[in-house]
Amino acid sequence: MEPGRGWSADHLRLHRHLRSHPSLLPPGAPLLVAVSGGQDSMALIGLLHDLRRRHGWSLHLWHGDHGWRPESRDQAAALALWAIGRGLPLLGERADPPPAGEDAARRWRYGRLAEAARSLGCGHVVTGHTADDRAETVLLHLARGSHRQGLSSLRASRPLAEIPGAPHLCRPLLPFSRSDTLRICRQLDLPIWEDASNGDPRFSRNRVRAEVLPVLETLHPGAARRIAAQAERLAEEEDDQEELLQLTLTALALPATAAGMEQLRRAPLAALSRANRRRLLQRWLRERLGRPLNAAVLDALAARLETGGAPGRLALPDGWRLAWDRGTLFLMGPDHADG
């Protein structure tokens, strides 16, 4: 399909978005597309299917059945038949036992997607998240008191797991709204399999979708789009901050000790504001521990490292330990013996 020959404005919009962000879905890449059967994922596969020759992609579909609904097995079978009719290979998986909640379901999906991507040789896992999804996520994180990093979540691209070589999770529909995906499905005559659990008020996201965002849209039309745009700006600022953090950590770092302990200069770290000290410590420790430090522990640590504070020690997860004297911080790994 070429521009001007059956392309809709939505095809052209996505095409231009991908051209201006070439690393999002690189030309010629094999893509694993997560398809639930709802309007967002069906609009996604409809657009990608039409654009694939232009961009040189090969498409593989993945459908995950949580096993929460009696009709989900029949819907998965109907989706598989539709994919066969389009010449699209689809891998379907059903959770056993069903996940016990939203977080468990998300972990199961992403875990299975990562495994499927590795087996198929796909470096990019693609989902149909829209601006509405991003706005919902921002509101949920805001209500939970999340820090700045949480408010910039649901990025256009991120590693699917914090391991070397993990596939990237890509969200090319973030510039689109949920009303856009419904229109695309109708224009492309795409089937939609509704998920009844999307209306279940026991799930926090569903209540934000049904009760909170409609009120905001009534008060300020376009609220979801603007909230999502603000999250994108925060994400860009976070990336800029990460570059500055790395430069600062490089300046603070001391050579490792003969025993292999990593070191940071304490005095210039303590001279910073507590917020900047906290960010630097989080970055430094996350890179080494493989996960972020608990917010309460991190706040206490940043406070203990004020200028003039006494030497101290702190036990970290997985056997890691942090110690400091008047001038230096020392990080000891799980295998490091106490001296």
C-alpha atoms as a PDB file:
ATOM      1  CA  MET A   1       0.000   0.000   0.000  1.00  0.00           C
ATOM      2  CA  GLU A   2       1.541   3.308  -1.085  1.00  0.00           C
ATOM      3  CA  PRO A   3       0.714   6.858   0.065  1.00  0.00           C
ATOM      4  CA  GLY A   4      -2.256   8.124  -1.891  1.00  0.00           C
ATOM      5  CA  ARG A   5      -3.417   4.592  -2.832  1.00  0.00           C
ATOM      6  CA  GLY A   6      -5.876   3.574  -0.140  1.00  0.00           C
ATOM      7  CA  TRP A   7      -3.910   5.128   2.688  1.00  0.00           C
ATOM      8  CA  SER A   8      -6.091   6.772   5.284  1.00  0.00           C
ATOM      9  CA  ALA A   9      -5.009   9.795   7.277  1.00  0.00           C
ATOM     10  CA  ASP A  10      -4.274   7.369  10.133  1.00  0.00           C
ATOM     11  CA  HIS A  11      -1.940   5.257   7.987  1.00  0.00           C
ATOM     12  CA  LEU A  12      -0.069   8.389   6.985  1.00  0.00           C
ATOM     13  CA  ARG A  13       0.010   9.641  10.566  1.00  0.00           C
ATOM     14  CA  LEU A  14       1.590   6.428  11.866  1.00  0.00           C
ATOM     15  CA  HIS A  15       3.952   6.217   8.874  1.00  0.00           C
ATOM     16  CA  ARG A  16       5.248   9.748   9.509  1.00  0.00           C
ATOM     17  CA  HIS A  17       5.518   9.105  13.253  1.00  0.00           C
ATOM     18  CA  LEU A  18       7.688   6.044  12.621  1.00  0.00           C
ATOM     19  CA  ARG A  19       9.784   7.870  10.038  1.00  0.00           C
ATOM     20  CA  SER A  20      10.519  10.602  12.591  1.00  0.00           C
ATOM     21  CA  HIS A  21      11.344   7.969  15.270  1.00  0.00           C
ATOM     22  CA  PRO A  22      13.273   5.361  13.231  1.00  0.00           C
ATOM     23  CA  SER A  23      14.476   3.381  16.260  1.00  0.00           C
ATOM     24  CA  LEU A  24      10.926   2.700  17.468  1.00  0.00           C
ATOM     25  CA  LEU A  25      10.072   0.060  14.820  1.00  0.00           C
ATOM     26  CA  PRO A  26      13.189  -0.152  12.624  1.00  0.00           C
ATOM     27  CA  PRO A  27      12.749  -0.934   8.908  1.00  0.00           C
ATOM     28  CA  GLY A  28      13.129  -4.622   8.166  1.00  0.00           C
ATOM     29  CA  ALA A  29      12.732  -5.710  11.802  1.00  0.00           C
ATOM     30  CA  PRO A  30      10.777  -8.829  12.808  1.00  0.00           C
ATOM     31  CA  LEU A  31       8.005  -7.627  15.137  1.00  0.00           C
ATOM     32  CA  LEU A  32       6.076  -9.556  17.775  1.00  0.00           C
ATOM     33  CA  VAL A  33       2.704  -7.821  18.167  1.00  0.00           C
ATOM     34  CA  ALA A  34       0.644  -8.394  21.313  1.00  0.00           C
ATOM     35  CA  VAL A  35      -2.996  -8.679  20.236  1.00  0.00           C
ATOM     36  CA  SER A  36      -5.761  -8.923  22.823  1.00  0.00           C
ATOM     37  CA  GLY A  37      -8.574  -8.646  20.280  1.00  0.00           C
ATOM     38  CA  GLY A  38      -9.753  -5.298  21.662  1.00  0.00           C
ATOM     39  CA  GLN A  39     -10.037  -2.177  19.538  1.00  0.00           C
ATOM     40  CA  ASP A  40      -6.573  -0.783  20.321  1.00  0.00           C
ATOM     41  CA  SER A  41      -4.608  -3.921  19.434  1.00  0.00           C
ATOM     42  CA  MET A  42      -6.793  -4.645  16.394  1.00  0.00           C
ATOM     43  CA  ALA A  43      -6.256  -1.100  15.088  1.00  0.00           C
ATOM     44  CA  LEU A  44      -2.537  -1.580  15.683  1.00  0.00           C
ATOM     45  CA  ILE A  45      -2.280  -4.810  13.705  1.00  0.00           C
ATOM     46  CA  GLY A  46      -4.508  -3.379  10.966  1.00  0.00           C
ATOM     47  CA  LEU A  47      -2.186  -0.419  10.464  1.00  0.00           C
ATOM     48  CA  LEU A  48       1.020  -2.438  10.772  1.00  0.00           C
ATOM     49  CA  HIS A  49      -0.286  -5.065   8.337  1.00  0.00           C
ATOM     50  CA  ASP A  50      -0.975  -2.372   5.736  1.00  0.00           C
ATOM     51  CA  LEU A  51       2.380  -0.631   6.307  1.00  0.00           C
ATOM     52  CA  ARG A  52       4.570  -3.730   6.559  1.00  0.00           C
ATOM     53  CA  ARG A  53       5.736  -3.810   2.931  1.00  0.00           C
ATOM     54  CA  ARG A  54       6.592  -0.142   3.008  1.00  0.00           C
ATOM     55  CA  HIS A  55       8.720  -0.680   6.152  1.00  0.00           C
ATOM     56  CA  GLY A  56       9.925  -4.211   5.436  1.00  0.00           C
ATOM     57  CA  TRP A  57       8.700  -5.757   8.680  1.00  0.00           C
ATOM     58  CA  SER A  58       7.761  -9.368   9.258  1.00  0.00           C
ATOM     59  CA  LEU A  59       4.862  -9.670  11.700  1.00  0.00           C
ATOM     60  CA  HIS A  60       4.182 -12.315  14.344  1.00  0.00           C
ATOM     61  CA  LEU A  61       1.148 -12.090  16.625  1.00  0.00           C
ATOM     62  CA  TRP A  62       0.891 -13.164  20.258  1.00  0.00           C
ATOM     63  CA  HIS A  63      -2.346 -13.529  22.223  1.00  0.00           C
ATOM     64  CA  GLY A  64      -2.450 -14.143  25.971  1.00  0.00           C
ATOM     65  CA  ASP A  65      -5.569 -15.560  27.613  1.00  0.00           C
ATOM     66  CA  HIS A  66      -5.629 -14.887  31.366  1.00  0.00           C
ATOM     67  CA  GLY A  67      -8.374 -17.470  31.822  1.00  0.00           C
ATOM     68  CA  TRP A  68     -10.515 -15.029  33.780  1.00  0.00           C
ATOM     69  CA  ARG A  69     -13.633 -15.294  31.606  1.00  0.00           C
ATOM     70  CA  PRO A  70     -15.633 -18.317  30.387  1.00  0.00           C
ATOM     71  CA  GLU A  71     -15.812 -16.920  26.853  1.00  0.00           C
ATOM     72  CA  SER A  72     -12.095 -16.084  26.557  1.00  0.00           C
ATOM     73  CA  ARG A  73     -11.172 -19.455  25.053  1.00  0.00           C
ATOM     74  CA  ASP A  74     -13.741 -19.045  22.254  1.00  0.00           C
ATOM     75  CA  GLN A  75     -12.559 -15.485  21.594  1.00  0.00           C
ATOM     76  CA  ALA A  76      -8.952 -16.655  21.369  1.00  0.00           C
ATOM     77  CA  ALA A  77      -9.990 -19.298  18.819  1.00  0.00           C
ATOM     78  CA  ALA A  78     -11.903 -16.710  16.755  1.00  0.00           C
ATOM     79  CA  LEU A  79      -8.898 -14.370  16.799  1.00  0.00           C
ATOM     80  CA  ALA A  80      -6.643 -17.210  15.630  1.00  0.00           C
ATOM     81  CA  LEU A  81      -8.975 -17.923  12.684  1.00  0.00           C
ATOM     82  CA  TRP A  82      -8.990 -14.245  11.729  1.00  0.00           C
ATOM     83  CA  ALA A  83      -5.164 -14.162  11.827  1.00  0.00           C
ATOM     84  CA  ILE A  84      -4.951 -17.261   9.617  1.00  0.00           C
ATOM     85  CA  GLY A  85      -7.223 -15.542   7.115  1.00  0.00           C
ATOM     86  CA  ARG A  86      -4.814 -12.600   7.000  1.00  0.00           C
ATOM     87  CA  GLY A  87      -1.771 -14.844   6.644  1.00  0.00           C
ATOM     88  CA  LEU A  88      -0.435 -13.749  10.026  1.00  0.00           C
ATOM     89  CA  PRO A  89       1.198 -16.335  12.317  1.00  0.00           C
ATOM     90  CA  LEU A  90      -0.290 -16.204  15.812  1.00  0.00           C
ATOM     91  CA  LEU A  91       0.998 -17.785  19.014  1.00  0.00           C
ATOM     92  CA  GLY A  92      -1.719 -18.186  21.641  1.00  0.00           C
ATOM     93  CA  GLU A  93      -1.046 -18.932  25.314  1.00  0.00           C
ATOM     94  CA  ARG A  94      -3.388 -19.444  28.260  1.00  0.00           C
ATOM     95  CA  ALA A  95      -2.333 -18.773  31.859  1.00  0.00           C
ATOM     96  CA  ASP A  96      -2.552 -21.765  34.188  1.00  0.00           C
ATOM     97  CA  PRO A  97      -3.477 -20.957  36.882  1.00  0.00           C
ATOM     98  CA  PRO A  98      -5.125 -17.616  36.086  1.00  0.00           C
ATOM     99  CA  PRO A  99      -3.188 -14.617  37.473  1.00  0.00           C
ATOM    100  CA  ALA A 100      -4.455 -13.283  40.800  1.00  0.00           C
ATOM    101  CA  GLY A 101      -4.866  -9.625  39.849  1.00  0.00           C
ATOM    102  CA  GLU A 102      -3.700  -6.900  37.480  1.00  0.00           C
ATOM    103  CA  ASP A 103      -0.041  -6.857  38.509  1.00  0.00           C
ATOM    104  CA  ALA A 104       0.292 -10.641  38.303  1.00  0.00           C
ATOM    105  CA  ALA A 105      -1.405 -10.623  34.887  1.00  0.00           C
ATOM    106  CA  ARG A 106       0.990  -7.963  33.605  1.00  0.00           C
ATOM    107  CA  ARG A 107       4.014  -9.905  34.834  1.00  0.00           C
ATOM    108  CA  TRP A 108       2.710 -13.078  33.182  1.00  0.00           C
ATOM    109  CA  ARG A 109       2.058 -11.308  29.856  1.00  0.00           C
ATOM    110  CA  TYR A 110       5.418  -9.602  29.689  1.00  0.00           C
ATOM    111  CA  GLY A 111       7.254 -12.727  30.794  1.00  0.00           C
ATOM    112  CA  ARG A 112       5.606 -14.841  28.108  1.00  0.00           C
ATOM    113  CA  LEU A 113       6.089 -12.097  25.487  1.00  0.00           C
ATOM    114  CA  ALA A 114       9.805 -11.909  26.295  1.00  0.00           C
ATOM    115  CA  GLU A 115      10.143 -15.671  25.934  1.00  0.00           C
ATOM    116  CA  ALA A 116       8.182 -15.719  22.658  1.00  0.00           C
ATOM    117  CA  ALA A 117      10.257 -12.841  21.266  1.00  0.00           C
ATOM    118  CA  ARG A 118      13.486 -14.676  22.052  1.00  0.00           C
ATOM    119  CA  SER A 119      12.269 -17.894  20.444  1.00  0.00           C
ATOM    120  CA  LEU A 120      11.135 -16.056  17.292  1.00  0.00           C
ATOM    121  CA  GLY A 121      14.196 -13.812  17.031  1.00  0.00           C
ATOM    122  CA  CYS A 122      12.160 -10.625  17.482  1.00  0.00           C
ATOM    123  CA  GLY A 123      13.955  -7.704  19.089  1.00  0.00           C
ATOM    124  CA  HIS A 124      10.767  -5.624  19.302  1.00  0.00           C
ATOM    125  CA  VAL A 125       7.523  -6.454  21.114  1.00  0.00           C
ATOM    126  CA  VAL A 126       4.735  -4.104  20.030  1.00  0.00           C
ATOM    127  CA  THR A 127       1.620  -3.198  22.029  1.00  0.00           C
ATOM    128  CA  GLY A 128      -1.412  -1.046  21.277  1.00  0.00           C
ATOM    129  CA  HIS A 129      -1.194   1.374  24.200  1.00  0.00           C
ATOM    130  CA  THR A 130      -2.721   4.768  23.388  1.00  0.00           C
ATOM    131  CA  ALA A 131      -2.630   8.261  24.852  1.00  0.00           C
ATOM    132  CA  ASP A 132      -5.626   7.295  27.005  1.00  0.00           C
ATOM    133  CA  ASP A 133      -3.685   4.409  28.546  1.00  0.00           C
ATOM    134  CA  ARG A 134      -0.808   6.742  29.308  1.00  0.00           C
ATOM    135  CA  ALA A 135      -3.119   9.297  30.920  1.00  0.00           C
ATOM    136  CA  GLU A 136      -4.688   6.577  33.099  1.00  0.00           C
ATOM    137  CA  THR A 137      -1.234   5.410  34.189  1.00  0.00           C
ATOM    138  CA  VAL A 138      -0.160   8.936  35.099  1.00  0.00           C
ATOM    139  CA  LEU A 139      -3.286   9.466  37.213  1.00  0.00           C
ATOM    140  CA  LEU A 140      -2.820   6.152  39.023  1.00  0.00           C
ATOM    141  CA  HIS A 141       0.844   6.909  39.759  1.00  0.00           C
ATOM    142  CA  LEU A 142      -0.055  10.436  40.877  1.00  0.00           C
ATOM    143  CA  ALA A 143      -2.674   9.078  43.288  1.00  0.00           C
ATOM    144  CA  ARG A 144      -0.111   6.639  44.721  1.00  0.00           C
ATOM    145  CA  GLY A 145       2.364   9.449  45.347  1.00  0.00           C
ATOM    146  CA  SER A 146       4.827   8.311  42.688  1.00  0.00           C
ATOM    147  CA  HIS A 147       7.998  10.286  42.105  1.00  0.00           C
ATOM    148  CA  ARG A 148       8.837  11.957  38.800  1.00  0.00           C
ATOM    149  CA  GLN A 149      10.030   8.746  37.161  1.00  0.00           C
ATOM    150  CA  GLY A 150       6.640   7.110  37.734  1.00  0.00           C
ATOM    151  CA  LEU A 151       4.825  10.069  36.183  1.00  0.00           C
ATOM    152  CA  SER A 152       6.911   9.670  33.016  1.00  0.00           C
ATOM    153  CA  SER A 153       6.069   5.973  32.648  1.00  0.00           C
ATOM    154  CA  LEU A 154       4.453   4.115  29.720  1.00  0.00           C
ATOM    155  CA  ARG A 155       7.230   5.318  27.429  1.00  0.00           C
ATOM    156  CA  ALA A 156       7.257   4.803  23.677  1.00  0.00           C
ATOM    157  CA  SER A 157      10.061   2.253  24.058  1.00  0.00           C
ATOM    158  CA  ARG A 158      11.846   0.500  26.902  1.00  0.00           C
ATOM    159  CA  PRO A 159      13.609  -2.839  27.519  1.00  0.00           C
ATOM    160  CA  LEU A 160      11.043  -5.538  28.286  1.00  0.00           C
ATOM    161  CA  ALA A 161      13.293  -6.832  31.064  1.00  0.00           C
ATOM    162  CA  GLU A 162      16.376  -5.541  32.880  1.00  0.00           C
ATOM    163  CA  ILE A 163      18.694  -8.153  31.378  1.00  0.00           C
ATOM    164  CA  PRO A 164      21.263  -7.818  28.572  1.00  0.00           C
ATOM    165  CA  GLY A 165      19.782  -8.428  25.139  1.00  0.00           C
ATOM    166  CA  ALA A 166      16.158  -8.191  26.275  1.00  0.00           C
ATOM    167  CA  PRO A 167      13.685  -7.256  23.510  1.00  0.00           C
ATOM    168  CA  HIS A 168      12.285  -3.756  23.500  1.00  0.00           C
ATOM    169  CA  LEU A 169       8.679  -3.057  24.355  1.00  0.00           C
ATOM    170  CA  CYS A 170       7.406  -0.547  21.754  1.00  0.00           C
ATOM    171  CA  ARG A 171       4.212   1.529  21.802  1.00  0.00           C
ATOM    172  CA  PRO A 172       3.765   3.233  18.417  1.00  0.00           C
ATOM    173  CA  LEU A 173       0.125   4.243  19.049  1.00  0.00           C
ATOM    174  CA  LEU A 174       0.801   6.645  21.925  1.00  0.00           C
ATOM    175  CA  PRO A 175       0.040   9.635  19.636  1.00  0.00           C
ATOM    176  CA  PHE A 176      -3.428   8.106  19.026  1.00  0.00           C
ATOM    177  CA  SER A 177      -6.481   8.155  21.287  1.00  0.00           C
ATOM    178  CA  ARG A 178      -8.966   5.406  22.060  1.00  0.00           C
ATOM    179  CA  SER A 179     -11.533   7.179  19.881  1.00  0.00           C
ATOM    180  CA  ASP A 180      -8.958   7.058  17.051  1.00  0.00           C
ATOM    181  CA  THR A 181      -8.532   3.279  17.355  1.00  0.00           C
ATOM    182  CA  LEU A 182     -12.287   2.727  17.298  1.00  0.00           C
ATOM    183  CA  ARG A 183     -12.554   4.790  14.107  1.00  0.00           C
ATOM    184  CA  ILE A 184      -9.644   2.876  12.541  1.00  0.00           C
ATOM    185  CA  CYS A 185     -11.291  -0.467  13.289  1.00  0.00           C
ATOM    186  CA  ARG A 186     -14.498   0.701  11.647  1.00  0.00           C
ATOM    187  CA  GLN A 187     -12.729   2.150   8.602  1.00  0.00           C
ATOM    188  CA  LEU A 188     -10.634  -0.996   8.077  1.00  0.00           C
ATOM    189  CA  ASP A 189     -13.572  -3.315   8.848  1.00  0.00           C
ATOM    190  CA  LEU A 190     -11.657  -5.004  11.654  1.00  0.00           C
ATOM    191  CA  PRO A 191     -13.403  -7.287  14.160  1.00  0.00           C
ATOM    192  CA  ILE A 192     -13.310  -6.396  17.844  1.00  0.00           C
ATOM    193  CA  TRP A 193     -13.558  -8.899  20.664  1.00  0.00           C
ATOM    194  CA  GLU A 194     -14.709  -7.048  23.769  1.00  0.00           C
ATOM    195  CA  ASP A 195     -13.185  -8.061  27.091  1.00  0.00           C
ATOM    196  CA  ALA A 196     -15.899  -7.991  29.735  1.00  0.00           C
ATOM    197  CA  SER A 197     -13.264  -7.645  32.466  1.00  0.00           C
ATOM    198  CA  ASN A 198     -12.502  -4.139  31.153  1.00  0.00           C
ATOM    199  CA  GLY A 199     -15.709  -3.012  32.844  1.00  0.00           C
ATOM    200  CA  ASP A 200     -15.002  -4.742  36.146  1.00  0.00           C
ATOM    201  CA  PRO A 201     -14.833  -2.012  38.850  1.00  0.00           C
ATOM    202  CA  ARG A 202     -12.596  -4.220  41.019  1.00  0.00           C
ATOM    203  CA  PHE A 203      -9.694  -3.208  38.765  1.00  0.00           C
ATOM    204  CA  SER A 204      -8.371   0.258  39.565  1.00  0.00           C
ATOM    205  CA  ARG A 205      -7.573   1.140  35.946  1.00  0.00           C
ATOM    206  CA  ASN A 206     -11.152   0.421  34.905  1.00  0.00           C
ATOM    207  CA  ARG A 207     -12.498   2.843  37.495  1.00  0.00           C
ATOM    208  CA  VAL A 208     -10.116   5.574  36.346  1.00  0.00           C
ATOM    209  CA  ARG A 209     -11.218   4.901  32.756  1.00  0.00           C
ATOM    210  CA  ALA A 210     -14.938   4.868  33.533  1.00  0.00           C
ATOM    211  CA  GLU A 211     -15.226   7.412  36.355  1.00  0.00           C
ATOM    212  CA  VAL A 212     -12.222   9.758  36.509  1.00  0.00           C
ATOM    213  CA  LEU A 213     -11.159  10.518  32.930  1.00  0.00           C
ATOM    214  CA  PRO A 214     -14.718  11.220  31.703  1.00  0.00           C
ATOM    215  CA  VAL A 215     -15.089  13.890  34.411  1.00  0.00           C
ATOM    216  CA  LEU A 216     -11.749  15.462  33.437  1.00  0.00           C
ATOM    217  CA  GLU A 217     -12.730  15.378  29.765  1.00  0.00           C
ATOM    218  CA  THR A 218     -16.012  17.112  30.595  1.00  0.00           C
ATOM    219  CA  LEU A 219     -14.224  19.808  32.575  1.00  0.00           C
ATOM    220  CA  HIS A 220     -11.311  20.153  30.142  1.00  0.00           C
ATOM    221  CA  PRO A 221     -11.901  18.524  26.725  1.00  0.00           C
ATOM    222  CA  GLY A 222      -8.695  16.881  25.493  1.00  0.00           C
ATOM    223  CA  ALA A 223      -7.479  16.240  29.060  1.00  0.00           C
ATOM    224  CA  ALA A 224      -6.256  12.695  28.337  1.00  0.00           C
ATOM    225  CA  ARG A 225      -4.234  13.860  25.345  1.00  0.00           C
ATOM    226  CA  ARG A 226      -2.637  16.705  27.334  1.00  0.00           C
ATOM    227  CA  ILE A 227      -1.846  14.444  30.315  1.00  0.00           C
ATOM    228  CA  ALA A 228      -0.167  11.974  27.952  1.00  0.00           C
ATOM    229  CA  ALA A 229       1.782  14.807  26.313  1.00  0.00           C
ATOM    230  CA  GLN A 230       2.950  15.970  29.736  1.00  0.00           C
ATOM    231  CA  ALA A 231       4.144  12.433  30.506  1.00  0.00           C
ATOM    232  CA  GLU A 232       6.152  12.501  27.273  1.00  0.00           C
ATOM    233  CA  ARG A 233       7.770  15.803  28.248  1.00  0.00           C
ATOM    234  CA  LEU A 234       8.633  14.376  31.669  1.00  0.00           C
ATOM    235  CA  ALA A 235      10.154  11.314  29.983  1.00  0.00           C
ATOM    236  CA  GLU A 236      12.351  13.550  27.818  1.00  0.00           C
ATOM    237  CA  GLU A 237      13.427  15.514  30.883  1.00  0.00           C
ATOM    238  CA  GLU A 238      14.168  12.248  32.705  1.00  0.00           C
ATOM    239  CA  ASP A 239      16.443  11.188  29.844  1.00  0.00           C
ATOM    240  CA  ASP A 240      18.240  14.544  30.004  1.00  0.00           C
ATOM    241  CA  GLN A 241      18.634  14.146  33.765  1.00  0.00           C
ATOM    242  CA  GLU A 242      20.052  10.641  33.315  1.00  0.00           C
ATOM    243  CA  GLU A 243      22.835  12.040  31.130  1.00  0.00           C
ATOM    244  CA  LEU A 244      23.689  14.639  33.778  1.00  0.00           C
ATOM    245  CA  LEU A 245      23.561  12.023  36.542  1.00  0.00           C
ATOM    246  CA  GLN A 246      26.041   9.845  34.689  1.00  0.00           C
ATOM    247  CA  LEU A 247      28.439  12.774  34.239  1.00  0.00           C
ATOM    248  CA  THR A 248      28.177  13.605  37.936  1.00  0.00           C
ATOM    249  CA  LEU A 249      28.708  10.012  39.040  1.00  0.00           C
ATOM    250  CA  THR A 250      31.791   9.803  36.848  1.00  0.00           C
ATOM    251  CA  ALA A 251      33.186  12.876  38.606  1.00  0.00           C
ATOM    252  CA  LEU A 252      32.366  11.478  42.074  1.00  0.00           C
ATOM    253  CA  ALA A 253      33.761   7.992  41.448  1.00  0.00           C
ATOM    254  CA  LEU A 254      37.035   6.840  42.957  1.00  0.00           C
ATOM    255  CA  PRO A 255      39.045   3.831  41.758  1.00  0.00           C
ATOM    256  CA  ALA A 256      37.898   0.555  43.288  1.00  0.00           C
ATOM    257  CA  THR A 257      39.808  -0.582  46.358  1.00  0.00           C
ATOM    258  CA  ALA A 258      42.291  -3.462  46.251  1.00  0.00           C
ATOM    259  CA  ALA A 259      39.525  -5.617  47.748  1.00  0.00           C
ATOM    260  CA  GLY A 260      37.167  -4.701  44.874  1.00  0.00           C
ATOM    261  CA  MET A 261      34.908  -2.242  46.712  1.00  0.00           C
ATOM    262  CA  GLU A 262      33.467   0.544  44.559  1.00  0.00           C
ATOM    263  CA  GLN A 263      33.797   4.025  46.001  1.00  0.00           C
ATOM    264  CA  LEU A 264      32.205   7.478  45.783  1.00  0.00           C
ATOM    265  CA  ARG A 265      33.491  10.763  47.206  1.00  0.00           C
ATOM    266  CA  ARG A 266      31.237  11.651  50.120  1.00  0.00           C
ATOM    267  CA  ALA A 267      31.978  15.371  50.594  1.00  0.00           C
ATOM    268  CA  PRO A 268      30.810  16.617  47.150  1.00  0.00           C
ATOM    269  CA  LEU A 269      27.842  14.215  47.305  1.00  0.00           C
ATOM    270  CA  ALA A 270      26.827  15.539  50.730  1.00  0.00           C
ATOM    271  CA  ALA A 271      27.124  19.132  49.501  1.00  0.00           C
ATOM    272  CA  LEU A 272      24.297  18.590  47.002  1.00  0.00           C
ATOM    273  CA  SER A 273      20.626  19.106  47.811  1.00  0.00           C
ATOM    274  CA  ARG A 274      18.988  16.061  49.361  1.00  0.00           C
ATOM    275  CA  ALA A 275      16.845  15.559  46.215  1.00  0.00           C
ATOM    276  CA  ASN A 276      19.911  15.471  43.928  1.00  0.00           C
ATOM    277  CA  ARG A 277      21.788  13.284  46.389  1.00  0.00           C
ATOM    278  CA  ARG A 278      18.857  10.877  46.399  1.00  0.00           C
ATOM    279  CA  ARG A 279      18.750  10.701  42.597  1.00  0.00           C
ATOM    280  CA  LEU A 280      22.475  10.056  42.341  1.00  0.00           C
ATOM    281  CA  LEU A 281      22.381   7.318  44.969  1.00  0.00           C
ATOM    282  CA  GLN A 282      19.389   5.676  43.305  1.00  0.00           C
ATOM    283  CA  ARG A 283      21.119   5.652  39.928  1.00  0.00           C
ATOM    284  CA  TRP A 284      24.445   4.403  41.326  1.00  0.00           C
ATOM    285  CA  LEU A 285      22.898   1.621  43.411  1.00  0.00           C
ATOM    286  CA  ARG A 286      20.301   0.553  40.841  1.00  0.00           C
ATOM    287  CA  GLU A 287      23.015  -0.065  38.257  1.00  0.00           C
ATOM    288  CA  ARG A 288      24.836  -2.368  40.654  1.00  0.00           C
ATOM    289  CA  LEU A 289      21.961  -4.080  42.463  1.00  0.00           C
ATOM    290  CA  GLY A 290      19.895  -4.550  39.298  1.00  0.00           C
ATOM    291  CA  ARG A 291      16.802  -2.942  40.805  1.00  0.00           C
ATOM    292  CA  PRO A 292      15.780   0.360  42.433  1.00  0.00           C
ATOM    293  CA  LEU A 293      16.173   0.845  46.159  1.00  0.00           C
ATOM    294  CA  ASN A 294      13.059   1.160  48.323  1.00  0.00           C
ATOM    295  CA  ALA A 295      12.015   4.827  48.481  1.00  0.00           C
ATOM    296  CA  ALA A 296      11.907   4.976  52.303  1.00  0.00           C
ATOM    297  CA  VAL A 297      15.363   3.385  52.610  1.00  0.00           C
ATOM    298  CA  LEU A 298      16.738   5.735  49.985  1.00  0.00           C
ATOM    299  CA  ASP A 299      15.315   8.804  51.765  1.00  0.00           C
ATOM    300  CA  ALA A 300      16.862   7.694  55.063  1.00  0.00           C
ATOM    301  CA  LEU A 301      20.213   7.052  53.391  1.00  0.00           C
ATOM    302  CA  ALA A 302      20.262  10.479  51.715  1.00  0.00           C
ATOM    303  CA  ALA A 303      19.537  12.083  55.103  1.00  0.00           C
ATOM    304  CA  ARG A 304      22.293  10.126  56.876  1.00  0.00           C
ATOM    305  CA  LEU A 305      24.850  11.327  54.333  1.00  0.00           C
ATOM    306  CA  GLU A 306      24.382  15.015  55.148  1.00  0.00           C
ATOM    307  CA  THR A 307      27.590  17.018  55.517  1.00  0.00           C
ATOM    308  CA  GLY A 308      29.167  16.332  58.886  1.00  0.00           C
ATOM    309  CA  GLY A 309      27.218  13.137  59.476  1.00  0.00           C
ATOM    310  CA  ALA A 310      28.850  10.257  61.309  1.00  0.00           C
ATOM    311  CA  PRO A 311      30.249   7.162  59.604  1.00  0.00           C
ATOM    312  CA  GLY A 312      27.764   4.358  59.157  1.00  0.00           C
ATOM    313  CA  ARG A 313      26.677   1.170  57.441  1.00  0.00           C
ATOM    314  CA  LEU A 314      23.545  -0.027  55.677  1.00  0.00           C
ATOM    315  CA  ALA A 315      22.443  -3.520  54.626  1.00  0.00           C
ATOM    316  CA  LEU A 316      21.047  -3.595  51.077  1.00  0.00           C
ATOM    317  CA  PRO A 317      19.010  -6.258  49.223  1.00  0.00           C
ATOM    318  CA  ASP A 318      20.580  -9.542  48.104  1.00  0.00           C
ATOM    319  CA  GLY A 319      23.540  -9.349  50.470  1.00  0.00           C
ATOM    320  CA  TRP A 320      24.931  -6.022  49.243  1.00  0.00           C
ATOM    321  CA  ARG A 321      26.235  -3.575  51.875  1.00  0.00           C
ATOM    322  CA  LEU A 322      27.056   0.106  51.926  1.00  0.00           C
ATOM    323  CA  ALA A 323      29.480   1.715  54.376  1.00  0.00           C
ATOM    324  CA  TRP A 324      30.842   5.240  54.691  1.00  0.00           C
ATOM    325  CA  ASP A 325      33.367   7.250  56.638  1.00  0.00           C
ATOM    326  CA  ARG A 326      33.856  11.008  56.700  1.00  0.00           C
ATOM    327  CA  GLY A 327      35.176  11.107  53.138  1.00  0.00           C
ATOM    328  CA  THR A 328      34.089   8.056  51.167  1.00  0.00           C
ATOM    329  CA  LEU A 329      31.210   5.641  50.441  1.00  0.00           C
ATOM    330  CA  PHE A 330      32.127   1.985  49.959  1.00  0.00           C
ATOM    331  CA  LEU A 331      29.850  -0.532  48.202  1.00  0.00           C
ATOM    332  CA  MET A 332      30.443  -4.197  48.993  1.00  0.00           C
ATOM    333  CA  GLY A 333      28.974  -7.068  47.008  1.00  0.00           C
ATOM    334  CA  PRO A 334      27.430 -10.237  48.458  1.00  0.00           C
ATOM    335  CA  ASP A 335      30.727 -12.130  48.224  1.00  0.00           C
ATOM    336  CA  HIS A 336      32.808  -9.459  49.875  1.00  0.00           C
ATOM    337  CA  ALA A 337      34.047 -10.446  53.347  1.00  0.00           C
ATOM    338  CA  ASP A 338      33.929  -7.896  56.151  1.00  0.00           C
ATOM    339  CA  GLY A 339      37.284  -6.380  56.929  1.00  0.00           C
END
